[in-house]
Amino acid sequence: MPDAYAASDLAWDVNAYRRARAALVAAGVIKADETTNEILIERWFSHCPPTNGQHLRGVEKQIETIASAKLRAAAFEALKGTPQWKLRDAKSSLDGANKPYDLTERLARKT
């Protein structure tokens, strides 16, 4: 979201918004990519993980739409720590899959 839009939503001036965003980045609360105007909330999936396989697939599709390569990679890394992801990997192993789920192809498509 462009800085001016975010600032307007908060009824702040743009510089106040930028200072607040920088403080949140410095505190490790968010990651931000100023080039793509995107923000990733740190530890989101710790508090709001996907609750089932279909939800997990939907989250993956949404992560793929993140324009910032660094934020997209960080979101996928965070998602890999969720119970649903681990459950899927465990099921894949039981089904005879040779290797764990690989995000390399998905990450490369967007870069």
Protein backbone atom coordinates (compact mmCIF):
# COMPACT_ATOMS: atom_id res chain seq x y z
CA MET A 1 0.00 0.00 0.00
CA PRO A 2 1.51 3.37 -0.92
CA ASP A 3 2.68 5.48 2.00
CA ALA A 4 0.24 8.30 1.28
CA TYR A 5 -2.69 5.87 1.23
CA ALA A 6 -1.67 4.27 4.53
CA ALA A 7 -1.09 7.66 6.12
CA SER A 8 -4.48 8.87 4.95
CA ASP A 9 -6.20 5.80 6.43
CA LEU A 10 -4.53 6.56 9.76
CA ALA A 11 -5.20 10.31 9.48
CA TRP A 12 -1.42 10.87 9.81
CA ASP A 13 0.99 12.81 7.67
CA VAL A 14 3.23 10.67 5.46
CA ASN A 15 6.38 11.36 7.47
CA ALA A 16 4.72 10.23 10.70
CA TYR A 17 3.64 7.02 8.97
CA ARG A 18 7.17 6.39 7.67
CA ARG A 19 8.66 6.95 11.13
CA ALA A 20 6.15 4.56 12.69
CA ARG A 21 6.81 1.92 10.02
CA ALA A 22 10.57 2.27 10.52
CA ALA A 23 10.12 1.83 14.28
CA LEU A 24 8.05 -1.34 13.70
CA VAL A 25 10.71 -2.72 11.34
CA ALA A 26 13.47 -1.91 13.85
CA ALA A 27 11.50 -3.63 16.62
CA GLY A 28 11.04 -6.76 14.48
CA VAL A 29 7.26 -6.45 14.37
CA ILE A 30 7.08 -6.18 10.58
CA LYS A 31 9.21 -6.51 7.46
CA ALA A 32 8.69 -3.88 4.78
CA ASP A 33 9.66 -3.48 1.16
CA GLU A 34 9.48 0.17 0.21
CA THR A 35 9.96 -0.66 -3.48
CA THR A 36 6.75 -2.69 -3.70
CA ASN A 37 4.95 -0.90 -0.84
CA GLU A 38 4.30 -4.19 0.95
CA ILE A 39 4.44 -5.13 4.61
CA LEU A 40 4.74 -8.58 6.19
CA ILE A 41 3.66 -8.98 9.80
CA GLU A 42 6.29 -11.00 11.65
CA ARG A 43 5.11 -14.13 13.49
CA TRP A 44 1.68 -13.89 11.82
CA PHE A 45 1.49 -17.64 11.34
CA SER A 46 2.48 -18.24 14.97
CA HIS A 47 -0.80 -16.61 15.97
CA CYS A 48 -2.97 -17.28 12.89
CA PRO A 49 -1.79 -20.51 11.25
CA PRO A 50 -3.74 -22.25 8.51
CA THR A 51 -6.28 -24.55 10.15
CA ASN A 52 -6.63 -27.22 7.47
CA GLY A 53 -5.19 -28.33 4.15
CA GLN A 54 -7.49 -26.21 2.02
CA HIS A 55 -6.70 -23.15 4.12
CA LEU A 56 -2.97 -23.90 3.71
CA ARG A 57 -3.32 -24.08 -0.09
CA GLY A 58 -5.21 -20.77 -0.08
CA VAL A 59 -2.49 -19.12 1.99
CA GLU A 60 0.17 -20.43 -0.40
CA LYS A 61 -1.69 -18.93 -3.35
CA GLN A 62 -1.91 -15.58 -1.59
CA ILE A 63 1.79 -15.64 -0.71
CA GLU A 64 2.59 -16.24 -4.38
CA THR A 65 0.96 -12.88 -5.18
CA ILE A 66 3.44 -10.94 -3.01
CA ALA A 67 5.47 -8.81 -5.43
CA SER A 68 8.50 -8.45 -3.16
CA ALA A 69 10.82 -11.46 -3.53
CA LYS A 70 12.25 -10.97 -0.04
CA LEU A 71 8.84 -10.73 1.63
CA ARG A 72 7.47 -13.65 -0.40
CA ALA A 73 10.44 -15.81 0.67
CA ALA A 74 10.04 -14.72 4.31
CA ALA A 75 6.31 -15.52 4.23
CA PHE A 76 6.94 -19.00 2.80
CA GLU A 77 9.64 -19.63 5.42
CA ALA A 78 7.21 -18.62 8.17
CA LEU A 79 4.49 -20.80 6.68
CA LYS A 80 6.82 -23.82 6.73
CA GLY A 81 6.80 -23.63 10.53
CA THR A 82 3.03 -24.11 10.86
CA PRO A 83 1.41 -27.34 12.07
CA GLN A 84 -0.55 -27.78 8.82
CA TRP A 85 2.64 -27.54 6.74
CA LYS A 86 4.40 -30.09 8.96
CA LEU A 87 1.37 -32.37 8.80
CA ARG A 88 1.37 -32.20 5.00
CA ASP A 89 5.09 -32.99 4.91
CA ALA A 90 4.54 -35.94 7.25
CA LYS A 91 1.69 -37.24 5.09
CA SER A 92 3.85 -36.87 1.97
CA SER A 93 6.56 -38.95 3.64
CA LEU A 94 4.06 -41.65 4.56
CA ASP A 95 2.70 -41.68 1.01
CA GLY A 96 6.17 -42.54 -0.29
CA ALA A 97 7.22 -39.12 -1.53
CA ASN A 98 10.99 -39.06 -2.07
CA LYS A 99 11.68 -35.50 -0.97
CA PRO A 100 10.11 -32.78 1.17
CA TYR A 101 8.06 -30.04 -0.43
CA ASP A 102 10.35 -27.69 -2.36
CA LEU A 103 9.58 -23.98 -2.69
CA THR A 104 12.49 -23.23 -5.03
CA GLU A 105 10.36 -23.31 -8.17
CA ARG A 106 7.63 -21.13 -6.66
CA LEU A 107 10.11 -18.54 -5.40
CA ALA A 108 11.97 -18.49 -8.72
CA ARG A 109 8.82 -17.80 -10.72
CA LYS A 110 8.39 -14.38 -9.15
CA THR A 111 12.00 -13.19 -9.21
